[in-house]
Protein backbone atom coordinates (compact mmCIF):
# COMPACT_ATOMS: atom_id res chain seq x y z
CA MET A 1 -123.40 8.80 -0.89
CA VAL A 2 -124.62 6.05 -3.22
CA GLU A 3 -128.05 6.85 -4.62
CA LYS A 4 -130.91 4.41 -4.20
CA ARG A 5 -131.27 3.91 -7.98
CA ASP A 6 -127.61 2.88 -8.19
CA ILE A 7 -128.16 0.38 -5.37
CA LEU A 8 -131.23 -1.01 -7.12
CA ARG A 9 -129.36 -1.23 -10.43
CA GLY A 10 -126.67 -3.28 -8.70
CA TYR A 11 -129.31 -5.45 -7.05
CA LEU A 12 -131.00 -6.13 -10.39
CA SER A 13 -127.67 -6.99 -12.03
CA ARG A 14 -126.97 -9.46 -9.26
CA ILE A 15 -130.32 -11.23 -9.38
CA ILE A 16 -130.34 -11.46 -13.18
CA THR A 17 -126.89 -13.09 -13.22
CA SER A 18 -127.32 -15.24 -10.10
CA THR A 19 -130.95 -16.44 -10.21
CA LEU A 20 -130.15 -19.47 -12.38
CA GLU A 21 -127.53 -20.63 -9.86
CA LEU A 22 -129.98 -20.00 -7.01
CA CYS A 23 -132.67 -21.84 -8.98
CA ASN A 24 -130.47 -24.92 -9.40
CA GLN A 25 -129.87 -24.92 -5.64
CA LYS A 26 -133.55 -24.54 -4.78
CA ILE A 27 -134.85 -27.30 -7.07
CA ARG A 28 -132.29 -29.89 -5.95
CA ASN A 29 -131.73 -31.93 -2.80
CA ILE A 30 -128.90 -30.27 -0.87
CA LYS A 31 -127.49 -33.63 0.26
CA THR A 32 -127.71 -35.67 -2.96
CA GLY A 33 -127.85 -33.04 -5.69
CA GLN A 34 -130.84 -34.82 -7.25
CA LEU A 35 -133.83 -32.87 -8.54
CA LEU A 36 -136.54 -32.45 -5.92
CA PRO A 37 -139.84 -34.20 -6.70
CA SER A 38 -142.41 -31.96 -8.33
CA ARG A 39 -145.67 -31.29 -6.53
CA SER A 40 -148.84 -31.83 -8.52
CA PHE A 41 -149.56 -28.11 -8.11
CA LEU A 42 -146.65 -27.37 -10.49
CA LEU A 43 -148.93 -28.34 -13.37
CA LYS A 44 -150.92 -25.13 -12.85
CA PRO A 45 -148.12 -22.55 -13.31
CA ILE A 46 -146.76 -24.62 -16.22
CA GLN A 47 -150.18 -24.68 -17.90
CA TYR A 48 -150.48 -20.92 -17.45
CA ALA A 49 -146.97 -20.49 -18.90
CA ASN A 50 -147.93 -22.43 -22.03
CA LYS A 51 -151.18 -20.50 -22.45
CA PHE A 52 -149.25 -17.24 -22.05
CA ALA A 53 -146.72 -18.34 -24.69
CA ALA A 54 -149.61 -19.18 -27.02
CA ARG A 55 -151.16 -15.75 -26.27
CA GLU A 56 -154.27 -17.43 -24.86
CA LEU A 57 -154.04 -16.18 -21.27
CA LYS A 58 -156.11 -13.09 -20.49
CA GLN A 59 -155.58 -13.04 -16.72
CA ARG A 60 -151.85 -12.43 -16.41
CA ILE A 61 -151.57 -11.99 -12.63
CA LEU A 62 -151.30 -15.45 -11.06
CA VAL A 63 -151.63 -15.49 -7.28
CA PHE A 64 -150.63 -18.56 -5.26
CA PRO A 65 -151.28 -18.02 -1.53
CA GLY A 66 -150.41 -20.62 1.07
CA LEU A 67 -148.64 -21.49 4.30
CA ARG A 68 -144.91 -20.87 4.61
CA GLY A 69 -142.74 -23.95 4.17
CA ILE A 70 -144.92 -26.01 1.84
CA GLY A 71 -142.89 -25.50 -1.33
CA LYS A 72 -144.22 -22.31 -2.96
CA THR A 73 -140.73 -20.91 -3.59
CA THR A 74 -139.57 -24.23 -5.05
CA ILE A 75 -142.60 -24.18 -7.37
CA LEU A 76 -141.63 -20.67 -8.52
CA PHE A 77 -138.08 -21.76 -9.30
CA GLN A 78 -139.28 -24.90 -11.10
CA THR A 79 -141.51 -22.62 -13.19
CA TYR A 80 -138.58 -20.25 -13.78
CA LYS A 81 -136.54 -23.20 -15.10
CA TYR A 82 -139.41 -24.20 -17.38
CA PHE A 83 -139.50 -20.73 -18.95
CA LEU A 84 -135.73 -20.81 -19.39
CA ASP A 85 -135.37 -24.33 -20.81
CA ASN A 86 -138.67 -25.00 -22.57
CA LEU A 87 -139.97 -21.59 -23.61
CA LYS A 88 -136.48 -20.12 -24.19
CA ILE A 89 -137.07 -16.86 -22.31
CA PRO A 90 -133.65 -15.23 -21.66
CA PRO A 91 -132.54 -14.71 -18.03
CA GLU A 92 -132.68 -10.92 -18.29
CA ASN A 93 -136.42 -11.20 -19.00
CA LEU A 94 -137.07 -13.47 -16.00
CA LEU A 95 -137.12 -11.56 -12.72
CA TYR A 96 -137.31 -13.50 -9.45
CA LEU A 97 -137.91 -10.91 -6.72
CA ASP A 98 -137.89 -11.59 -2.98
CA VAL A 99 -140.37 -8.87 -2.00
CA GLY A 100 -139.39 -8.95 1.67
CA GLU A 101 -135.73 -8.40 0.77
CA ILE A 102 -136.56 -5.50 -1.54
CA LYS A 103 -138.66 -3.76 1.09
CA ASN A 104 -136.84 -4.58 4.32
CA ILE A 105 -133.20 -4.50 3.20
CA HIS A 106 -133.21 -2.07 0.29
CA GLY A 107 -136.12 0.07 1.49
CA ALA A 108 -137.54 0.20 -2.02
CA SER A 109 -140.94 -0.32 -3.56
CA LEU A 110 -141.64 -2.62 -6.47
CA ASN A 111 -142.46 0.41 -8.61
CA GLU A 112 -139.06 1.95 -7.87
CA LEU A 113 -137.27 -1.27 -8.71
CA PHE A 114 -139.13 -1.82 -11.97
CA SER A 115 -138.49 1.77 -13.03
CA VAL A 116 -134.74 1.09 -12.71
CA TYR A 117 -135.20 -2.17 -14.63
CA GLU A 118 -136.92 -0.35 -17.50
CA GLU A 119 -134.27 2.36 -17.65
CA ASN A 120 -131.16 0.19 -17.38
CA PHE A 121 -132.10 -3.23 -18.74
CA LEU A 122 -135.02 -2.79 -21.14
CA ARG A 123 -133.68 0.59 -22.29
CA THR A 124 -137.27 1.68 -22.84
CA ASN A 125 -140.54 1.73 -20.97
CA ILE A 126 -142.72 -1.37 -20.83
CA GLU A 127 -145.35 0.15 -23.14
CA ASN A 128 -142.82 0.03 -26.00
CA PHE A 129 -141.26 -3.34 -25.18
CA SER A 130 -142.76 -6.28 -27.08
CA LYS A 131 -140.79 -9.30 -25.80
CA PRO A 132 -142.11 -11.45 -22.91
CA ILE A 133 -141.28 -10.37 -19.36
CA ILE A 134 -141.94 -12.82 -16.53
CA LEU A 135 -141.97 -11.61 -12.91
CA PHE A 136 -141.91 -13.90 -9.89
CA LEU A 137 -142.92 -11.99 -6.74
CA ASP A 138 -142.10 -14.25 -3.79
CA GLU A 139 -143.65 -13.59 -0.34
CA ALA A 140 -145.45 -10.57 -1.78
CA HIS A 141 -147.51 -10.02 1.38
CA ASN A 142 -144.41 -8.25 2.75
CA ASP A 143 -145.32 -5.23 0.61
CA SER A 144 -148.95 -4.16 0.80
CA SER A 145 -148.52 -2.17 -2.44
CA TRP A 146 -147.85 -5.27 -4.56
CA MET A 147 -151.44 -5.22 -5.89
CA ASP A 148 -151.15 -1.64 -7.11
CA PHE A 149 -147.82 -2.50 -8.75
CA ALA A 150 -149.17 -5.63 -10.44
CA LEU A 151 -152.33 -3.90 -11.67
CA SER A 152 -150.36 -0.93 -13.00
CA LEU A 153 -147.89 -3.18 -14.81
CA PHE A 154 -150.74 -5.27 -16.25
CA ASN A 155 -152.42 -2.15 -17.64
CA ARG A 156 -149.18 -0.63 -18.94
CA SER A 157 -148.31 -3.85 -20.80
CA ASP A 158 -151.81 -4.39 -22.17
CA GLY A 159 -150.80 -3.36 -25.70
CA TYR A 160 -148.49 -6.33 -26.22
CA SER A 161 -149.92 -8.48 -23.37
CA ASN A 162 -146.31 -9.50 -22.80
CA VAL A 163 -145.98 -9.36 -19.00
CA LEU A 164 -146.87 -12.34 -16.81
CA ILE A 165 -146.71 -12.00 -13.02
CA TYR A 166 -146.51 -14.95 -10.60
CA VAL A 167 -147.20 -14.03 -6.97
CA THR A 168 -146.78 -16.13 -3.82
CA GLY A 169 -147.37 -15.37 -0.15
CA SER A 170 -149.88 -15.84 2.65
CA SER A 171 -153.62 -15.63 2.08
CA ALA A 172 -153.26 -11.90 2.81
CA LEU A 173 -152.57 -11.74 -0.93
CA ALA A 174 -156.29 -12.11 -1.50
CA LEU A 175 -157.22 -9.14 0.68
CA GLY A 176 -158.32 -6.00 -1.14
CA GLY A 177 -157.59 -5.26 -4.76
CA GLY A 178 -161.18 -4.72 -5.82
CA VAL A 179 -162.89 -5.63 -9.07
CA ASP A 180 -160.11 -4.29 -11.31
CA LEU A 181 -157.59 -6.75 -9.90
CA SER A 182 -159.99 -9.70 -9.64
CA ARG A 183 -160.76 -9.49 -13.38
CA ARG A 184 -157.06 -9.67 -14.21
CA MET A 185 -156.07 -12.27 -11.63
CA ILE A 186 -156.22 -16.05 -11.20
CA ARG A 187 -155.98 -17.27 -7.61
CA ASP A 188 -154.99 -20.85 -6.77
CA ILE A 189 -154.33 -21.87 -3.16
CA VAL A 190 -151.20 -23.94 -2.49
CA TYR A 191 -152.11 -26.44 0.23
CA PRO A 192 -149.81 -28.64 2.31
CA LEU A 193 -149.06 -32.07 0.86
CA THR A 194 -152.08 -34.35 0.72
CA PHE A 195 -151.69 -37.97 1.81
CA GLN A 196 -152.12 -39.07 -1.80
CA GLU A 197 -149.40 -36.65 -2.94
CA TYR A 198 -147.12 -37.68 -0.07
CA LEU A 199 -147.33 -41.37 -1.02
CA LEU A 200 -146.82 -40.58 -4.69
CA LEU A 201 -143.72 -38.45 -4.18
CA LYS A 202 -142.21 -40.60 -1.44
CA ASN A 203 -143.09 -44.15 -2.55
CA ASN A 204 -144.26 -43.70 -6.15
CA PHE A 205 -147.64 -45.04 -5.05
CA PHE A 206 -150.59 -44.23 -7.31
CA PRO A 207 -154.11 -44.98 -6.05
CA PRO A 208 -156.44 -46.71 -8.53
CA LYS A 209 -157.78 -44.47 -11.26
CA SER A 210 -160.67 -42.14 -10.30
CA THR A 211 -160.42 -42.95 -6.57
CA ALA A 212 -161.02 -39.33 -5.50
CA GLU A 213 -163.82 -38.81 -8.01
CA LYS A 214 -165.63 -41.97 -6.84
CA ILE A 215 -165.43 -40.92 -3.17
CA ARG A 216 -166.93 -37.55 -4.07
CA ILE A 217 -169.71 -39.30 -6.03
CA ALA A 218 -170.42 -41.50 -2.99
CA LEU A 219 -170.84 -38.45 -0.75
CA GLY A 220 -173.37 -37.02 -3.18
CA SER A 221 -175.32 -40.30 -3.41
CA GLU A 222 -177.88 -42.12 -1.28
CA ILE A 223 -176.58 -44.64 1.25
CA GLU A 224 -177.10 -47.73 -0.94
CA SER A 225 -174.97 -46.32 -3.75
CA ALA A 226 -172.46 -44.85 -1.30
CA GLU A 227 -171.95 -48.24 0.35
CA TYR A 228 -171.41 -49.96 -3.00
CA ILE A 229 -169.01 -47.30 -4.31
CA LEU A 230 -166.93 -46.97 -1.13
CA SER A 231 -166.70 -50.75 -0.70
CA ASN A 232 -165.32 -51.23 -4.20
CA VAL A 233 -163.01 -48.22 -4.00
CA TYR A 234 -161.50 -49.50 -0.76
CA LEU A 235 -161.08 -53.05 -2.10
CA ASP A 236 -159.20 -51.72 -5.13
CA LEU A 237 -157.10 -49.44 -2.95
CA LYS A 238 -156.29 -52.24 -0.51
CA LYS A 239 -155.11 -54.49 -3.35
CA LYS A 240 -152.66 -51.83 -4.47
CA PHE A 241 -151.44 -51.30 -0.91
CA ASP A 242 -150.87 -55.04 -0.50
CA LEU A 243 -148.93 -55.23 -3.77
CA SER A 244 -146.77 -52.25 -2.79
CA LYS A 245 -145.60 -53.99 0.42
CA MET A 246 -145.96 -50.60 2.08
CA ASN A 247 -146.56 -50.31 5.83
CA LEU A 248 -149.70 -48.19 5.56
CA SER A 249 -150.11 -47.63 9.32
CA LYS A 250 -146.55 -46.33 9.65
CA GLU A 251 -146.81 -44.16 6.54
CA LEU A 252 -150.05 -42.64 7.86
CA GLU A 253 -148.45 -41.81 11.21
CA ASN A 254 -145.38 -40.32 9.51
CA TYR A 255 -147.58 -38.25 7.22
CA LEU A 256 -149.81 -36.87 9.96
CA SER A 257 -146.89 -35.94 12.22
CA THR A 258 -144.32 -34.64 9.71
CA GLY A 259 -145.76 -34.79 6.18
CA ALA A 260 -147.16 -31.29 5.55
CA SER A 261 -144.08 -30.06 3.70
CA PRO A 262 -141.97 -31.53 0.89
CA ILE A 263 -139.06 -31.44 3.35
CA SER A 264 -140.50 -34.66 4.80
CA LEU A 265 -139.77 -36.44 1.51
CA THR A 266 -136.01 -36.07 1.85
CA GLU A 267 -135.46 -35.59 5.60
CA THR A 268 -135.91 -38.57 7.93
CA ASN A 269 -134.93 -36.94 11.22
CA GLU A 270 -138.22 -36.17 12.98
CA ASN A 271 -136.62 -33.77 15.46
CA PHE A 272 -135.03 -31.80 12.62
CA ILE A 273 -138.40 -31.48 10.86
CA PHE A 274 -140.17 -30.36 14.03
CA LYS A 275 -137.46 -27.77 14.79
CA TRP A 276 -137.65 -26.56 11.19
CA TRP A 277 -141.40 -26.04 11.59
CA VAL A 278 -140.98 -24.13 14.85
CA ASN A 279 -138.60 -21.80 12.99
CA ILE A 280 -141.28 -21.37 10.31
CA PHE A 281 -143.84 -20.40 12.98
CA GLU A 282 -141.43 -17.82 14.40
CA LYS A 283 -140.92 -16.26 10.96
CA VAL A 284 -144.67 -16.14 10.34
CA ILE A 285 -145.29 -14.51 13.72
CA LYS A 286 -142.38 -12.04 13.74
CA GLN A 287 -142.00 -11.22 10.04
CA ASP A 288 -145.27 -11.91 8.21
CA ILE A 289 -148.14 -11.15 10.57
CA PRO A 290 -146.97 -7.59 11.44
CA ASN A 291 -147.18 -6.75 7.71
CA TYR A 292 -150.93 -7.35 7.44
CA SER A 293 -152.30 -7.37 10.99
CA PRO A 294 -152.86 -4.61 13.57
CA LEU A 295 -151.12 -6.82 16.16
CA GLY A 296 -147.59 -5.63 15.43
CA THR A 297 -144.31 -7.16 16.58
CA GLN A 298 -145.08 -6.42 20.25
CA SER A 299 -147.77 -9.12 20.18
CA SER A 300 -145.47 -11.94 19.00
CA ASN A 301 -145.43 -13.68 22.38
CA LYS A 302 -149.23 -13.58 22.56
CA VAL A 303 -149.57 -15.06 19.08
CA PHE A 304 -147.22 -17.92 19.94
CA ALA A 305 -149.09 -18.47 23.21
CA MET A 306 -152.32 -18.81 21.21
CA LEU A 307 -150.73 -21.34 18.86
CA GLN A 308 -149.53 -23.36 21.82
CA TYR A 309 -152.96 -23.13 23.46
CA LEU A 310 -154.64 -24.44 20.32
CA ALA A 311 -152.11 -27.26 19.97
CA GLU A 312 -152.73 -28.45 23.52
CA SER A 313 -156.53 -28.25 23.16
CA LEU A 314 -157.58 -31.88 22.78
CA PRO A 315 -160.14 -32.16 21.24
CA PRO A 316 -159.79 -29.01 19.06
CA ALA A 317 -160.83 -25.77 20.72
CA HIS A 318 -164.58 -25.06 20.57
CA ARG A 319 -164.79 -22.11 22.90
CA SER A 320 -166.01 -18.54 22.71
CA ILE A 321 -163.61 -15.62 22.35
CA GLY A 322 -164.48 -14.65 25.93
CA THR A 323 -163.65 -18.10 27.32
CA ILE A 324 -160.35 -18.25 25.44
CA SER A 325 -159.53 -14.76 26.71
CA LYS A 326 -159.93 -15.92 30.32
CA GLU A 327 -157.98 -19.14 29.76
CA LEU A 328 -155.09 -17.12 28.33
CA GLU A 329 -154.64 -15.02 31.48
CA ASN A 330 -157.31 -12.47 30.52
CA MET A 331 -155.82 -11.64 27.15
CA PRO A 332 -158.02 -8.82 25.76
CA GLU A 333 -160.86 -10.18 23.63
CA GLY A 334 -159.95 -7.80 20.80
CA THR A 335 -156.44 -9.24 20.78
CA VAL A 336 -157.80 -12.81 20.73
CA PHE A 337 -160.01 -11.92 17.77
CA ASN A 338 -157.13 -10.30 15.87
CA ILE A 339 -154.85 -13.27 16.56
CA PHE A 340 -157.41 -15.72 15.16
CA LYS A 341 -157.82 -13.52 12.10
CA ALA A 342 -154.04 -13.28 11.61
CA LEU A 343 -153.51 -17.03 12.02
CA LYS A 344 -156.20 -17.75 9.43
CA THR A 345 -154.61 -15.27 7.05
CA ALA A 346 -151.23 -16.94 7.61
CA CYS A 347 -152.86 -20.26 6.60
CA LEU A 348 -151.94 -21.79 9.97
CA ILE A 349 -155.50 -22.48 11.12
CA GLN A 350 -158.86 -23.21 9.53
CA GLU A 351 -162.27 -22.39 10.94
CA VAL A 352 -165.21 -24.79 10.92
CA GLU A 353 -168.51 -23.20 11.88
CA PRO A 354 -171.47 -24.83 13.64
CA PHE A 355 -173.90 -26.47 11.21
CA VAL A 356 -176.78 -24.08 11.88
CA SER A 357 -178.55 -21.33 9.97
CA VAL A 358 -176.54 -18.30 8.88
CA LEU A 359 -178.33 -16.09 11.41
CA LYS A 360 -177.52 -18.43 14.32
CA ARG A 361 -173.87 -18.87 13.29
CA THR A 362 -172.87 -15.39 14.45
CA ALA A 363 -173.96 -16.17 18.01
CA LYS A 364 -172.13 -19.50 18.24
CA SER A 365 -168.50 -20.49 18.65
CA SER A 366 -166.52 -22.00 15.80
CA LYS A 367 -164.06 -24.86 16.01
CA TYR A 368 -160.46 -24.22 14.95
CA TYR A 369 -158.17 -26.76 13.35
CA PHE A 370 -154.61 -26.37 12.19
CA GLN A 371 -154.37 -26.46 8.43
CA HIS A 372 -152.35 -29.66 8.77
CA PRO A 373 -151.77 -31.90 11.84
CA THR A 374 -147.99 -31.52 11.41
CA ILE A 375 -148.42 -28.01 12.84
CA ARG A 376 -149.98 -29.43 16.02
CA ALA A 377 -147.32 -32.16 16.27
CA ALA A 378 -144.46 -29.66 15.96
CA LEU A 379 -145.94 -27.32 18.57
CA LEU A 380 -146.47 -30.19 21.01
CA TRP A 381 -142.91 -31.43 20.36
CA HIS A 382 -141.68 -27.91 21.11
CA VAL A 383 -142.92 -28.20 24.71
CA GLY A 384 -142.17 -31.91 25.13
CA LYS A 385 -145.80 -33.05 24.83
CA PHE A 386 -145.81 -34.99 21.55
CA ASN A 387 -146.57 -38.55 22.64
CA VAL A 388 -146.61 -41.13 19.82
CA ASN A 389 -148.37 -43.59 22.14
CA ASP A 390 -151.36 -41.32 22.74
CA ASN A 391 -154.22 -42.62 20.58
CA SER A 392 -156.41 -39.66 21.51
CA LEU A 393 -153.78 -37.36 19.98
CA TRP A 394 -153.66 -39.44 16.79
CA GLY A 395 -157.46 -39.26 16.70
CA VAL A 396 -157.38 -35.46 16.86
CA MET A 397 -154.69 -35.33 14.17
CA LEU A 398 -156.78 -37.60 11.94
CA GLU A 399 -159.81 -35.36 12.53
CA GLU A 400 -157.63 -32.37 11.65
CA MET A 401 -156.59 -34.03 8.39
CA ILE A 402 -160.17 -34.92 7.49
CA SER A 403 -161.10 -31.28 8.14
CA PHE A 404 -158.35 -30.14 5.75
CA THR A 405 -159.45 -32.68 3.13
CA ILE A 406 -163.14 -31.76 3.29
CA ILE A 407 -162.53 -27.99 3.30
CA SER A 408 -160.20 -28.20 0.31
CA ASN A 409 -162.90 -30.17 -1.55
CA VAL A 410 -165.51 -27.45 -1.05
CA GLU A 411 -163.70 -25.32 -3.63
CA LYS A 412 -163.30 -28.04 -6.27
CA PRO A 413 -165.59 -27.68 -9.32
CA LYS A 414 -166.96 -31.25 -9.40
CA SER A 415 -167.26 -31.70 -5.65
CA PRO A 416 -170.75 -32.33 -4.21
CA ILE A 417 -169.70 -30.67 -0.93
CA LEU A 418 -171.47 -27.32 -0.73
CA TYR A 419 -170.66 -26.53 2.90
CA VAL A 420 -168.98 -28.12 5.91
CA GLY A 421 -169.80 -27.47 9.56
CA PHE A 422 -169.92 -29.39 12.83
CA ASP A 423 -172.62 -30.39 15.29
CA ASP A 424 -172.10 -28.11 18.29
CA SER A 425 -174.52 -30.03 20.51
CA LYS A 426 -173.12 -32.23 23.27
CA SER A 427 -171.49 -35.40 21.85
CA GLY A 428 -172.29 -34.33 18.28
CA ALA A 429 -170.48 -35.54 15.16
CA ASP A 430 -167.16 -34.01 14.13
CA PHE A 431 -168.48 -32.81 10.76
CA VAL A 432 -171.69 -32.32 8.83
CA ILE A 433 -171.39 -31.78 5.11
CA LYS A 434 -174.11 -30.36 2.92
CA THR A 435 -174.61 -31.91 -0.53
CA PRO A 436 -177.24 -31.13 -3.20
CA ASN A 437 -179.43 -34.04 -2.09
CA GLY A 438 -178.93 -34.10 1.66
CA ASN A 439 -176.57 -33.84 4.61
CA VAL A 440 -173.96 -36.36 5.74
CA ALA A 441 -172.70 -36.60 9.35
CA ILE A 442 -169.07 -37.72 9.78
CA GLU A 443 -167.29 -38.91 12.93
CA CYS A 444 -163.54 -39.68 13.08
CA SER A 445 -161.69 -42.11 15.34
CA TRP A 446 -158.17 -43.54 15.40
CA GLY A 447 -159.38 -46.83 16.90
CA SER A 448 -162.77 -48.53 16.92
CA LYS A 449 -165.90 -46.39 17.19
CA GLY A 450 -169.63 -46.83 17.61
CA ALA A 451 -172.44 -44.98 15.84
CA THR A 452 -173.90 -43.09 18.83
CA GLN A 453 -172.50 -39.63 18.05
CA VAL A 454 -173.30 -39.80 14.35
CA GLU A 455 -176.85 -41.03 15.07
CA LYS A 456 -177.48 -38.13 17.48
CA THR A 457 -176.38 -35.66 14.84
CA MET A 458 -178.43 -37.38 12.13
CA GLU A 459 -181.56 -36.93 14.25
CA ARG A 460 -180.81 -33.31 15.09
CA VAL A 461 -179.66 -32.10 11.67
CA ASP A 462 -181.67 -34.37 9.34
CA CYS A 463 -179.00 -36.30 7.45
CA LYS A 464 -179.44 -38.77 4.60
CA PHE A 465 -176.80 -41.01 6.24
CA GLY A 466 -173.79 -40.98 8.53
CA ILE A 467 -170.17 -42.10 8.20
CA VAL A 468 -167.85 -43.32 10.95
CA LEU A 469 -164.18 -43.26 9.94
CA CYS A 470 -162.34 -45.69 12.18
CA ASN A 471 -159.82 -48.52 12.39
CA ARG A 472 -161.20 -51.31 10.20
CA ASN A 473 -160.43 -53.31 7.04
CA SER A 474 -163.69 -53.05 5.13
CA VAL A 475 -166.75 -50.88 4.56
CA GLU A 476 -169.76 -52.02 6.58
CA ARG A 477 -173.31 -50.67 6.81
CA LYS A 478 -175.48 -50.68 9.92
CA GLU A 479 -178.89 -49.17 9.14
CA LYS A 480 -178.16 -45.57 8.06
CA VAL A 481 -174.50 -45.50 9.10
CA LEU A 482 -171.45 -46.56 7.07
CA PHE A 483 -168.33 -47.67 8.92
CA VAL A 484 -165.36 -46.84 6.70
CA PRO A 485 -161.57 -47.46 7.04
CA LYS A 486 -160.12 -44.19 8.32
CA GLU A 487 -157.45 -43.80 5.62
CA LEU A 488 -159.93 -43.96 2.72
CA PHE A 489 -161.13 -40.37 3.17
CA LEU A 490 -157.58 -39.06 2.75
CA PHE A 491 -157.73 -39.97 -0.94
CA PHE A 492 -160.20 -37.43 -2.28
């Protein structure tokens, strides 16, 4: 009988000799052989690589959580190639490890595998090895012990500070670990493609300089300044659109329906993209969620039923756990709660809470959006309900995208957005954002839209001004409400 260590030695030999070939496949278009476009996020792992090479990086565990299918593995391989070509790290010191494969196929832990690597490839233990070792742990959420492994390896290599660990997976990567890990770790979320990134990679379209920064400044300003800033930003943006000869309306529709993943940059068949996404959902539900959720594989059908329920909820679901339980054929409330938790951890959905005090929030229902409207479009396509002529659907997908944009801005250092919620009163605004000098109510619409909902929310919540994002060609002010072209808020 072949011993496990012999199997792992063979596995390591294979990945060391074959990773470069696999890398060249992963970073190129299968059809054309051309290099895939690089996401802006790639700058982060490259910057960390350079700081590591200069011995200026203290936190040597780099965690990149995010939704499946948005290019995390490609980013890892592009980083691998950078180490190989630019920093001249030899292949035997660059380990790309598919954590799910190690655990599920070989039945081994990361500690077992690295022990074999030390014995057979380093010929010494890591404490006595001074050359750089770079580990790429892909889909690490498949092994709940990855944190213990990474922390142990960090501490063991502390003498030479020569081990750098890149980690990707779902947001379950952030669960646990404690203070010891947090002090040694940098965490950067990998989001789906933004509209700005989509246009850049697909059409080489750059918005005018400082567009995003100016929109953020406008949100933190009073209405007079906000009107002036947004008007000028949109005029500059419109000039560039006109010069590009780009069909903005069509590009926006394509982006909302299929543009979450870099696959949309090279694949034009909408049905192929939707089917590809449905396969992603099945992998998340059957392979990923059982690794970090109490639901287990026996709940897969219930999880998919919840996804479908959320996709068909127009406008987005704003119901209590009890109500959802009844609408899903009396699914146990505990199961509903665990499914929501698992879907958030998988980065499939985002929660927006009512804009009320912290004490009142616990007694009220949240609103759930998909992390990107492409998820909704693919799920509706799956059951034959994706209708490109349904303006109400496009309105929901726009609202979903604005939700994603605002939430991702909460975490940015220079953003004035301190918190985002929604007005849960009848006919309230879609969003209320809190800034250092006052609240802003925001309503989204695919077509034309009046100010009634925003004005109701402004009275109830005490806002400095309101914004209606709708179908128009200029920024206009009516009393304390700004009417803004809907696409503008996808550029910050």
